[in-house]
mmCIF file of all heavy atoms, coordinates in Angstrom:
data_MODEL
# 
_entry.id   MODEL 
# 
loop_
_atom_site.group_PDB 
_atom_site.id 
_atom_site.type_symbol 
_atom_site.label_atom_id 
_atom_site.label_alt_id 
_atom_site.label_comp_id 
_atom_site.label_asym_id 
_atom_site.label_entity_id 
_atom_site.label_seq_id 
_atom_site.pdbx_PDB_ins_code 
_atom_site.Cartn_x 
_atom_site.Cartn_y 
_atom_site.Cartn_z 
_atom_site.occupancy 
_atom_site.B_iso_or_equiv 
_atom_site.pdbx_formal_charge 
_atom_site.auth_seq_id 
_atom_site.auth_comp_id 
_atom_site.auth_asym_id 
_atom_site.auth_atom_id 
_atom_site.pdbx_PDB_model_num 
ATOM 1   N N   . THR A 1 1  ? -11.335 -147.994 -25.901 1.00 0.00 ? 1  THR A N   1 
ATOM 2   C CA  . THR A 1 1  ? -12.083 -146.757 -26.112 1.00 0.00 ? 1  THR A CA  1 
ATOM 3   C C   . THR A 1 1  ? -12.237 -146.468 -27.598 1.00 0.00 ? 1  THR A C   1 
ATOM 4   O O   . THR A 1 1  ? -13.242 -145.903 -28.036 1.00 0.00 ? 1  THR A O   1 
ATOM 5   C CB  . THR A 1 1  ? -11.383 -145.577 -25.399 1.00 0.00 ? 1  THR A CB  1 
ATOM 6   O OG1 . THR A 1 1  ? -11.085 -145.964 -24.063 1.00 0.00 ? 1  THR A OG1 1 
ATOM 7   C CG2 . THR A 1 1  ? -12.283 -144.355 -25.375 1.00 0.00 ? 1  THR A CG2 1 
ATOM 8   N N   . GLY A 1 2  ? -11.239 -146.856 -28.385 1.00 0.00 ? 2  GLY A N   1 
ATOM 9   C CA  . GLY A 1 2  ? -11.346 -146.846 -29.844 1.00 0.00 ? 2  GLY A CA  1 
ATOM 10  C C   . GLY A 1 2  ? -11.788 -145.531 -30.439 1.00 0.00 ? 2  GLY A C   1 
ATOM 11  O O   . GLY A 1 2  ? -11.183 -144.480 -30.215 1.00 0.00 ? 2  GLY A O   1 
ATOM 12  N N   . LEU A 1 3  ? -12.864 -145.578 -31.214 1.00 0.00 ? 3  LEU A N   1 
ATOM 13  C CA  . LEU A 1 3  ? -13.447 -144.416 -31.873 1.00 0.00 ? 3  LEU A CA  1 
ATOM 14  C C   . LEU A 1 3  ? -14.865 -144.235 -31.332 1.00 0.00 ? 3  LEU A C   1 
ATOM 15  O O   . LEU A 1 3  ? -15.832 -144.747 -31.915 1.00 0.00 ? 3  LEU A O   1 
ATOM 16  C CB  . LEU A 1 3  ? -13.482 -144.623 -33.390 1.00 0.00 ? 3  LEU A CB  1 
ATOM 17  C CG  . LEU A 1 3  ? -12.152 -144.851 -34.100 1.00 0.00 ? 3  LEU A CG  1 
ATOM 18  C CD1 . LEU A 1 3  ? -12.384 -145.317 -35.529 1.00 0.00 ? 3  LEU A CD1 1 
ATOM 19  C CD2 . LEU A 1 3  ? -11.317 -143.576 -34.098 1.00 0.00 ? 3  LEU A CD2 1 
ATOM 20  N N   . PRO A 1 4  ? -15.036 -143.536 -30.235 1.00 0.00 ? 4  PRO A N   1 
ATOM 21  C CA  . PRO A 1 4  ? -16.334 -143.525 -29.536 1.00 0.00 ? 4  PRO A CA  1 
ATOM 22  C C   . PRO A 1 4  ? -17.486 -142.932 -30.334 1.00 0.00 ? 4  PRO A C   1 
ATOM 23  O O   . PRO A 1 4  ? -18.639 -143.256 -30.051 1.00 0.00 ? 4  PRO A O   1 
ATOM 24  C CB  . PRO A 1 4  ? -16.058 -142.681 -28.287 1.00 0.00 ? 4  PRO A CB  1 
ATOM 25  C CG  . PRO A 1 4  ? -14.581 -142.659 -28.133 1.00 0.00 ? 4  PRO A CG  1 
ATOM 26  C CD  . PRO A 1 4  ? -14.012 -142.779 -29.507 1.00 0.00 ? 4  PRO A CD  1 
ATOM 27  N N   . THR A 1 5  ? -17.205 -142.065 -31.311 1.00 0.00 ? 5  THR A N   1 
ATOM 28  C CA  . THR A 1 5  ? -18.288 -141.422 -32.053 1.00 0.00 ? 5  THR A CA  1 
ATOM 29  C C   . THR A 1 5  ? -18.416 -141.952 -33.483 1.00 0.00 ? 5  THR A C   1 
ATOM 30  O O   . THR A 1 5  ? -19.168 -141.387 -34.272 1.00 0.00 ? 5  THR A O   1 
ATOM 31  C CB  . THR A 1 5  ? -18.078 -139.900 -32.113 1.00 0.00 ? 5  THR A CB  1 
ATOM 32  O OG1 . THR A 1 5  ? -16.848 -139.620 -32.798 1.00 0.00 ? 5  THR A OG1 1 
ATOM 33  C CG2 . THR A 1 5  ? -18.029 -139.300 -30.716 1.00 0.00 ? 5  THR A CG2 1 
ATOM 34  N N   . LYS A 1 6  ? -17.691 -143.023 -33.793 1.00 0.00 ? 6  LYS A N   1 
ATOM 35  C CA  . LYS A 1 6  ? -17.721 -143.573 -35.152 1.00 0.00 ? 6  LYS A CA  1 
ATOM 36  C C   . LYS A 1 6  ? -18.423 -144.935 -35.142 1.00 0.00 ? 6  LYS A C   1 
ATOM 37  O O   . LYS A 1 6  ? -18.625 -145.553 -34.108 1.00 0.00 ? 6  LYS A O   1 
ATOM 38  C CB  . LYS A 1 6  ? -16.308 -143.699 -35.720 1.00 0.00 ? 6  LYS A CB  1 
ATOM 39  C CG  . LYS A 1 6  ? -15.491 -142.409 -35.653 1.00 0.00 ? 6  LYS A CG  1 
ATOM 40  C CD  . LYS A 1 6  ? -16.162 -141.246 -36.367 1.00 0.00 ? 6  LYS A CD  1 
ATOM 41  C CE  . LYS A 1 6  ? -15.324 -139.977 -36.266 1.00 0.00 ? 6  LYS A CE  1 
ATOM 42  N NZ  . LYS A 1 6  ? -16.006 -138.806 -36.876 1.00 0.00 ? 6  LYS A NZ  1 
ATOM 43  N N   . THR A 1 7  ? -18.769 -145.409 -36.334 1.00 0.00 ? 7  THR A N   1 
ATOM 44  C CA  . THR A 1 7  ? -19.621 -146.596 -36.434 1.00 0.00 ? 7  THR A CA  1 
ATOM 45  C C   . THR A 1 7  ? -18.857 -147.827 -36.897 1.00 0.00 ? 7  THR A C   1 
ATOM 46  O O   . THR A 1 7  ? -17.949 -147.735 -37.720 1.00 0.00 ? 7  THR A O   1 
ATOM 47  C CB  . THR A 1 7  ? -20.807 -146.319 -37.385 1.00 0.00 ? 7  THR A CB  1 
ATOM 48  O OG1 . THR A 1 7  ? -21.788 -147.337 -37.234 1.00 0.00 ? 7  THR A OG1 1 
ATOM 49  C CG2 . THR A 1 7  ? -20.355 -146.223 -38.832 1.00 0.00 ? 7  THR A CG2 1 
ATOM 50  N N   . GLU A 1 8  ? -19.207 -148.975 -36.341 1.00 0.00 ? 8  GLU A N   1 
ATOM 51  C CA  . GLU A 1 8  ? -18.671 -150.273 -36.751 1.00 0.00 ? 8  GLU A CA  1 
ATOM 52  C C   . GLU A 1 8  ? -19.712 -151.348 -36.458 1.00 0.00 ? 8  GLU A C   1 
ATOM 53  O O   . GLU A 1 8  ? -20.704 -151.098 -35.765 1.00 0.00 ? 8  GLU A O   1 
ATOM 54  C CB  . GLU A 1 8  ? -17.384 -150.614 -35.980 1.00 0.00 ? 8  GLU A CB  1 
ATOM 55  C CG  . GLU A 1 8  ? -16.149 -149.901 -36.462 1.00 0.00 ? 8  GLU A CG  1 
ATOM 56  C CD  . GLU A 1 8  ? -14.893 -150.324 -35.718 1.00 0.00 ? 8  GLU A CD  1 
ATOM 57  O OE1 . GLU A 1 8  ? -14.939 -151.304 -34.941 1.00 0.00 ? 8  GLU A OE1 1 
ATOM 58  O OE2 . GLU A 1 8  ? -13.867 -149.671 -35.914 1.00 0.00 ? 8  GLU A OE2 1 
ATOM 59  N N   . GLN A 1 9  ? -19.423 -152.559 -36.953 1.00 0.00 ? 9  GLN A N   1 
ATOM 60  C CA  . GLN A 1 9  ? -20.242 -153.742 -36.660 1.00 0.00 ? 9  GLN A CA  1 
ATOM 61  C C   . GLN A 1 9  ? -19.349 -154.821 -36.060 1.00 0.00 ? 9  GLN A C   1 
ATOM 62  O O   . GLN A 1 9  ? -19.373 -155.967 -36.477 1.00 0.00 ? 9  GLN A O   1 
ATOM 63  C CB  . GLN A 1 9  ? -20.896 -154.270 -37.944 1.00 0.00 ? 9  GLN A CB  1 
ATOM 64  C CG  . GLN A 1 9  ? -21.921 -153.357 -38.577 1.00 0.00 ? 9  GLN A CG  1 
ATOM 65  C CD  . GLN A 1 9  ? -22.534 -153.989 -39.811 1.00 0.00 ? 9  GLN A CD  1 
ATOM 66  O OE1 . GLN A 1 9  ? -21.838 -154.279 -40.781 1.00 0.00 ? 9  GLN A OE1 1 
ATOM 67  N NE2 . GLN A 1 9  ? -23.838 -154.212 -39.784 1.00 0.00 ? 9  GLN A NE2 1 
ATOM 68  N N   . THR A 1 10 ? -18.609 -154.467 -35.045 1.00 0.00 ? 10 THR A N   1 
ATOM 69  C CA  . THR A 1 10 ? -17.535 -155.338 -34.576 1.00 0.00 ? 10 THR A CA  1 
ATOM 70  C C   . THR A 1 10 ? -17.849 -156.075 -33.280 1.00 0.00 ? 10 THR A C   1 
ATOM 71  O O   . THR A 1 10 ? -16.966 -156.712 -32.709 1.00 0.00 ? 10 THR A O   1 
ATOM 72  C CB  . THR A 1 10 ? -16.246 -154.514 -34.396 1.00 0.00 ? 10 THR A CB  1 
ATOM 73  O OG1 . THR A 1 10 ? -16.566 -153.281 -33.741 1.00 0.00 ? 10 THR A OG1 1 
ATOM 74  C CG2 . THR A 1 10 ? -15.615 -154.192 -35.733 1.00 0.00 ? 10 THR A CG2 1 
ATOM 75  N N   . ASP A 1 11 ? -19.097 -156.034 -32.825 1.00 0.00 ? 11 ASP A N   1 
ATOM 76  C CA  . ASP A 1 11 ? -19.446 -156.711 -31.572 1.00 0.00 ? 11 ASP A CA  1 
ATOM 77  C C   . ASP A 1 11 ? -20.268 -157.978 -31.790 1.00 0.00 ? 11 ASP A C   1 
ATOM 78  O O   . ASP A 1 11 ? -20.776 -158.563 -30.826 1.00 0.00 ? 11 ASP A O   1 
ATOM 79  C CB  . ASP A 1 11 ? -20.243 -155.773 -30.654 1.00 0.00 ? 11 ASP A CB  1 
ATOM 80  C CG  . ASP A 1 11 ? -19.428 -154.578 -30.190 1.00 0.00 ? 11 ASP A CG  1 
ATOM 81  O OD1 . ASP A 1 11 ? -18.194 -154.597 -30.368 1.00 0.00 ? 11 ASP A OD1 1 
ATOM 82  O OD2 . ASP A 1 11 ? -20.038 -153.623 -29.667 1.00 0.00 ? 11 ASP A OD2 1 
ATOM 83  N N   . LEU A 1 12 ? -20.436 -158.422 -33.031 1.00 0.00 ? 12 LEU A N   1 
ATOM 84  C CA  . LEU A 1 12 ? -21.325 -159.547 -33.296 1.00 0.00 ? 12 LEU A CA  1 
ATOM 85  C C   . LEU A 1 12 ? -20.851 -160.820 -32.609 1.00 0.00 ? 12 LEU A C   1 
ATOM 86  O O   . LEU A 1 12 ? -21.634 -161.503 -31.927 1.00 0.00 ? 12 LEU A O   1 
ATOM 87  C CB  . LEU A 1 12 ? -21.462 -159.780 -34.806 1.00 0.00 ? 12 LEU A CB  1 
ATOM 88  C CG  . LEU A 1 12 ? -22.309 -160.994 -35.214 1.00 0.00 ? 12 LEU A CG  1 
ATOM 89  C CD1 . LEU A 1 12 ? -23.721 -160.886 -34.652 1.00 0.00 ? 12 LEU A CD1 1 
ATOM 90  C CD2 . LEU A 1 12 ? -22.343 -161.142 -36.728 1.00 0.00 ? 12 LEU A CD2 1 
ATOM 91  N N   . LEU A 1 13 ? -19.577 -161.158 -32.764 1.00 0.00 ? 13 LEU A N   1 
ATOM 92  C CA  . LEU A 1 13 ? -19.085 -162.387 -32.153 1.00 0.00 ? 13 LEU A CA  1 
ATOM 93  C C   . LEU A 1 13 ? -19.100 -162.291 -30.634 1.00 0.00 ? 13 LEU A C   1 
ATOM 94  O O   . LEU A 1 13 ? -19.323 -163.298 -29.944 1.00 0.00 ? 13 LEU A O   1 
ATOM 95  C CB  . LEU A 1 13 ? -17.679 -162.713 -32.663 1.00 0.00 ? 13 LEU A CB  1 
ATOM 96  C CG  . LEU A 1 13 ? -17.591 -163.079 -34.153 1.00 0.00 ? 13 LEU A CG  1 
ATOM 97  C CD1 . LEU A 1 13 ? -16.154 -163.429 -34.531 1.00 0.00 ? 13 LEU A CD1 1 
ATOM 98  C CD2 . LEU A 1 13 ? -18.522 -164.228 -34.497 1.00 0.00 ? 13 LEU A CD2 1 
ATOM 99  N N   . GLN A 1 14 ? -18.883 -161.094 -30.103 1.00 0.00 ? 14 GLN A N   1 
ATOM 100 C CA  . GLN A 1 14 ? -18.982 -160.908 -28.656 1.00 0.00 ? 14 GLN A CA  1 
ATOM 101 C C   . GLN A 1 14 ? -20.415 -161.168 -28.182 1.00 0.00 ? 14 GLN A C   1 
ATOM 102 O O   . GLN A 1 14 ? -20.643 -161.811 -27.159 1.00 0.00 ? 14 GLN A O   1 
ATOM 103 C CB  . GLN A 1 14 ? -18.564 -159.487 -28.262 1.00 0.00 ? 14 GLN A CB  1 
ATOM 104 C CG  . GLN A 1 14 ? -18.616 -159.252 -26.766 1.00 0.00 ? 14 GLN A CG  1 
ATOM 105 C CD  . GLN A 1 14 ? -18.225 -157.854 -26.339 1.00 0.00 ? 14 GLN A CD  1 
ATOM 106 O OE1 . GLN A 1 14 ? -18.033 -157.602 -25.165 1.00 0.00 ? 14 GLN A OE1 1 
ATOM 107 N NE2 . GLN A 1 14 ? -18.111 -156.925 -27.279 1.00 0.00 ? 14 GLN A NE2 1 
ATOM 108 N N   . ALA A 1 15 ? -21.394 -160.682 -28.958 1.00 0.00 ? 15 ALA A N   1 
ATOM 109 C CA  . ALA A 1 15 ? -22.793 -160.904 -28.598 1.00 0.00 ? 15 ALA A CA  1 
ATOM 110 C C   . ALA A 1 15 ? -23.153 -162.380 -28.664 1.00 0.00 ? 15 ALA A C   1 
ATOM 111 O O   . ALA A 1 15 ? -23.888 -162.904 -27.813 1.00 0.00 ? 15 ALA A O   1 
ATOM 112 C CB  . ALA A 1 15 ? -23.703 -160.096 -29.515 1.00 0.00 ? 15 ALA A CB  1 
ATOM 113 N N   . LEU A 1 16 ? -22.642 -163.075 -29.672 1.00 0.00 ? 16 LEU A N   1 
ATOM 114 C CA  . LEU A 1 16 ? -22.978 -164.483 -29.857 1.00 0.00 ? 16 LEU A CA  1 
ATOM 115 C C   . LEU A 1 16 ? -22.253 -165.398 -28.876 1.00 0.00 ? 16 LEU A C   1 
ATOM 116 O O   . LEU A 1 16 ? -22.844 -166.373 -28.371 1.00 0.00 ? 16 LEU A O   1 
ATOM 117 C CB  . LEU A 1 16 ? -22.644 -164.914 -31.289 1.00 0.00 ? 16 LEU A CB  1 
ATOM 118 C CG  . LEU A 1 16 ? -23.525 -164.353 -32.406 1.00 0.00 ? 16 LEU A CG  1 
ATOM 119 C CD1 . LEU A 1 16 ? -22.871 -164.582 -33.762 1.00 0.00 ? 16 LEU A CD1 1 
ATOM 120 C CD2 . LEU A 1 16 ? -24.911 -164.984 -32.374 1.00 0.00 ? 16 LEU A CD2 1 
ATOM 121 N N   . TYR A 1 17 ? -20.983 -165.104 -28.610 1.00 0.00 ? 17 TYR A N   1 
ATOM 122 C CA  . TYR A 1 17 ? -20.153 -166.066 -27.897 1.00 0.00 ? 17 TYR A CA  1 
ATOM 123 C C   . TYR A 1 17 ? -19.419 -165.496 -26.676 1.00 0.00 ? 17 TYR A C   1 
ATOM 124 O O   . TYR A 1 17 ? -18.682 -166.245 -26.021 1.00 0.00 ? 17 TYR A O   1 
ATOM 125 C CB  . TYR A 1 17 ? -19.097 -166.650 -28.851 1.00 0.00 ? 17 TYR A CB  1 
ATOM 126 C CG  . TYR A 1 17 ? -19.676 -167.264 -30.099 1.00 0.00 ? 17 TYR A CG  1 
ATOM 127 C CD1 . TYR A 1 17 ? -19.349 -166.774 -31.363 1.00 0.00 ? 17 TYR A CD1 1 
ATOM 128 C CD2 . TYR A 1 17 ? -20.558 -168.341 -30.027 1.00 0.00 ? 17 TYR A CD2 1 
ATOM 129 C CE1 . TYR A 1 17 ? -19.878 -167.347 -32.513 1.00 0.00 ? 17 TYR A CE1 1 
ATOM 130 C CE2 . TYR A 1 17 ? -21.089 -168.916 -31.170 1.00 0.00 ? 17 TYR A CE2 1 
ATOM 131 C CZ  . TYR A 1 17 ? -20.744 -168.415 -32.411 1.00 0.00 ? 17 TYR A CZ  1 
ATOM 132 O OH  . TYR A 1 17 ? -21.280 -168.980 -33.550 1.00 0.00 ? 17 TYR A OH  1 
ATOM 133 N N   . GLY A 1 18 ? -19.626 -164.229 -26.379 1.00 0.00 ? 18 GLY A N   1 
ATOM 134 C CA  . GLY A 1 18 ? -18.822 -163.599 -25.332 1.00 0.00 ? 18 GLY A CA  1 
ATOM 135 C C   . GLY A 1 18 ? -19.322 -163.834 -23.927 1.00 0.00 ? 18 GLY A C   1 
ATOM 136 O O   . GLY A 1 18 ? -19.426 -162.894 -23.130 1.00 0.00 ? 18 GLY A O   1 
ATOM 137 N N   . HIS A 1 19 ? -19.625 -165.090 -23.581 1.00 0.00 ? 19 HIS A N   1 
ATOM 138 C CA  . HIS A 1 19 ? -20.098 -165.438 -22.248 1.00 0.00 ? 19 HIS A CA  1 
ATOM 139 C C   . HIS A 1 19 ? -19.497 -166.796 -21.899 1.00 0.00 ? 19 HIS A C   1 
ATOM 140 O O   . HIS A 1 19 ? -19.296 -167.641 -22.768 1.00 0.00 ? 19 HIS A O   1 
ATOM 141 C CB  . HIS A 1 19 ? -21.629 -165.536 -22.198 1.00 0.00 ? 19 HIS A CB  1 
ATOM 142 C CG  . HIS A 1 19 ? -22.324 -164.728 -23.254 1.00 0.00 ? 19 HIS A CG  1 
ATOM 143 N ND1 . HIS A 1 19 ? -22.409 -163.350 -23.194 1.00 0.00 ? 19 HIS A ND1 1 
ATOM 144 C CD2 . HIS A 1 19 ? -22.926 -165.092 -24.409 1.00 0.00 ? 19 HIS A CD2 1 
ATOM 145 C CE1 . HIS A 1 19 ? -23.043 -162.922 -24.266 1.00 0.00 ? 19 HIS A CE1 1 
ATOM 146 N NE2 . HIS A 1 19 ? -23.359 -163.952 -25.024 1.00 0.00 ? 19 HIS A NE2 1 
ATOM 147 N N   . ASN A 1 20 ? -19.214 -167.022 -20.624 1.00 0.00 ? 20 ASN A N   1 
ATOM 148 C CA  . ASN A 1 20 ? -18.615 -168.307 -20.260 1.00 0.00 ? 20 ASN A CA  1 
ATOM 149 C C   . ASN A 1 20 ? -19.674 -169.411 -20.234 1.00 0.00 ? 20 ASN A C   1 
ATOM 150 O O   . ASN A 1 20 ? -20.859 -169.161 -20.003 1.00 0.00 ? 20 ASN A O   1 
ATOM 151 C CB  . ASN A 1 20 ? -17.929 -168.211 -18.901 1.00 0.00 ? 20 ASN A CB  1 
ATOM 152 C CG  . ASN A 1 20 ? -18.903 -168.008 -17.764 1.00 0.00 ? 20 ASN A CG  1 
ATOM 153 O OD1 . ASN A 1 20 ? -19.578 -166.985 -17.689 1.00 0.00 ? 20 ASN A OD1 1 
ATOM 154 N ND2 . ASN A 1 20 ? -19.002 -168.982 -16.875 1.00 0.00 ? 20 ASN A ND2 1 
ATOM 155 N N   . GLY A 1 21 ? -19.232 -170.632 -20.475 1.00 0.00 ? 21 GLY A N   1 
ATOM 156 C CA  . GLY A 1 21 ? -20.141 -171.774 -20.453 1.00 0.00 ? 21 GLY A CA  1 
ATOM 157 C C   . GLY A 1 21 ? -20.992 -171.849 -21.709 1.00 0.00 ? 21 GLY A C   1 
ATOM 158 O O   . GLY A 1 21 ? -20.885 -171.020 -22.622 1.00 0.00 ? 21 GLY A O   1 
ATOM 159 N N   . GLU A 1 22 ? -21.828 -172.876 -21.781 1.00 0.00 ? 22 GLU A N   1 
ATOM 160 C CA  . GLU A 1 22 ? -22.801 -172.987 -22.868 1.00 0.00 ? 22 GLU A CA  1 
ATOM 161 C C   . GLU A 1 22 ? -23.942 -172.026 -22.548 1.00 0.00 ? 22 GLU A C   1 
ATOM 162 O O   . GLU A 1 22 ? -24.789 -172.318 -21.713 1.00 0.00 ? 22 GLU A O   1 
ATOM 163 C CB  . GLU A 1 22 ? -23.303 -174.426 -22.987 1.00 0.00 ? 22 GLU A CB  1 
ATOM 164 C CG  . GLU A 1 22 ? -22.282 -175.405 -23.537 1.00 0.00 ? 22 GLU A CG  1 
ATOM 165 C CD  . GLU A 1 22 ? -21.924 -175.104 -24.985 1.00 0.00 ? 22 GLU A CD  1 
ATOM 166 O OE1 . GLU A 1 22 ? -22.738 -174.485 -25.703 1.00 0.00 ? 22 GLU A OE1 1 
ATOM 167 O OE2 . GLU A 1 22 ? -20.814 -175.491 -25.413 1.00 0.00 ? 22 GLU A OE2 1 
ATOM 168 N N   . SER A 1 23 ? -23.927 -170.888 -23.202 1.00 0.00 ? 23 SER A N   1 
ATOM 169 C CA  . SER A 1 23 ? -24.842 -169.805 -22.813 1.00 0.00 ? 23 SER A CA  1 
ATOM 170 C C   . SER A 1 23 ? -25.523 -169.198 -24.037 1.00 0.00 ? 23 SER A C   1 
ATOM 171 O O   . SER A 1 23 ? -25.234 -168.060 -24.414 1.00 0.00 ? 23 SER A O   1 
ATOM 172 C CB  . SER A 1 23 ? -24.085 -168.732 -22.041 1.00 0.00 ? 23 SER A CB  1 
ATOM 173 O OG  . SER A 1 23 ? -22.884 -168.383 -22.704 1.00 0.00 ? 23 SER A OG  1 
ATOM 174 N N   . PRO A 1 24 ? -26.425 -169.935 -24.664 1.00 0.00 ? 24 PRO A N   1 
ATOM 175 C CA  . PRO A 1 24 ? -27.092 -169.416 -25.866 1.00 0.00 ? 24 PRO A CA  1 
ATOM 176 C C   . PRO A 1 24 ? -28.100 -168.337 -25.522 1.00 0.00 ? 24 PRO A C   1 
ATOM 177 O O   . PRO A 1 24 ? -28.768 -168.390 -24.486 1.00 0.00 ? 24 PRO A O   1 
ATOM 178 C CB  . PRO A 1 24 ? -27.797 -170.657 -26.420 1.00 0.00 ? 24 PRO A CB  1 
ATOM 179 C CG  . PRO A 1 24 ? -28.088 -171.484 -25.204 1.00 0.00 ? 24 PRO A CG  1 
ATOM 180 C CD  . PRO A 1 24 ? -26.908 -171.278 -24.292 1.00 0.00 ? 24 PRO A CD  1 
ATOM 181 N N   . LEU A 1 25 ? -28.202 -167.361 -26.393 1.00 0.00 ? 25 LEU A N   1 
ATOM 182 C CA  . LEU A 1 25 ? -29.229 -166.324 -26.247 1.00 0.00 ? 25 LEU A CA  1 
ATOM 183 C C   . LEU A 1 25 ? -29.523 -165.740 -27.611 1.00 0.00 ? 25 LEU A C   1 
ATOM 184 O O   . LEU A 1 25 ? -28.643 -165.713 -28.483 1.00 0.00 ? 25 LEU A O   1 
ATOM 185 C CB  . LEU A 1 25 ? -28.815 -165.239 -25.265 1.00 0.00 ? 25 LEU A CB  1 
ATOM 186 C CG  . LEU A 1 25 ? -27.863 -164.112 -25.701 1.00 0.00 ? 25 LEU A CG  1 
ATOM 187 C CD1 . LEU A 1 25 ? -27.773 -163.068 -24.607 1.00 0.00 ? 25 LEU A CD1 1 
ATOM 188 C CD2 . LEU A 1 25 ? -26.476 -164.624 -26.030 1.00 0.00 ? 25 LEU A CD2 1 
ATOM 189 N N   . PRO A 1 26 ? -30.744 -165.279 -27.858 1.00 0.00 ? 26 PRO A N   1 
ATOM 190 C CA  . PRO A 1 26 ? -31.074 -164.673 -29.151 1.00 0.00 ? 26 PRO A CA  1 
ATOM 191 C C   . PRO A 1 26 ? -30.317 -163.365 -29.377 1.00 0.00 ? 26 PRO A C   1 
ATOM 192 O O   . PRO A 1 26 ? -30.095 -162.593 -28.435 1.00 0.00 ? 26 PRO A O   1 
ATOM 193 C CB  . PRO A 1 26 ? -32.581 -164.431 -29.048 1.00 0.00 ? 26 PRO A CB  1 
ATOM 194 C CG  . PRO A 1 26 ? -33.053 -165.373 -27.986 1.00 0.00 ? 26 PRO A CG  1 
ATOM 195 C CD  . PRO A 1 26 ? -31.928 -165.439 -27.006 1.00 0.00 ? 26 PRO A CD  1 
ATOM 196 N N   . VAL A 1 27 ? -29.944 -163.143 -30.636 1.00 0.00 ? 27 VAL A N   1 
ATOM 197 C CA  . VAL A 1 27 ? -29.260 -161.907 -31.030 1.00 0.00 ? 27 VAL A CA  1 
ATOM 198 C C   . VAL A 1 27 ? -29.999 -161.313 -32.219 1.00 0.00 ? 27 VAL A C   1 
ATOM 199 O O   . VAL A 1 27 ? -30.221 -161.988 -33.234 1.00 0.00 ? 27 VAL A O   1 
ATOM 200 C CB  . VAL A 1 27 ? -27.789 -162.174 -31.392 1.00 0.00 ? 27 VAL A CB  1 
ATOM 201 C CG1 . VAL A 1 27 ? -27.120 -160.892 -31.880 1.00 0.00 ? 27 VAL A CG1 1 
ATOM 202 C CG2 . VAL A 1 27 ? -27.032 -162.746 -30.195 1.00 0.00 ? 27 VAL A CG2 1 
# 
């Protein structure tokens, strides 16, 4: 839940690699 009303850029690696298998997608 972290800081729900504050800003970060901490989901980039999740967007790029946070899926099982070889699963490329544009980000």
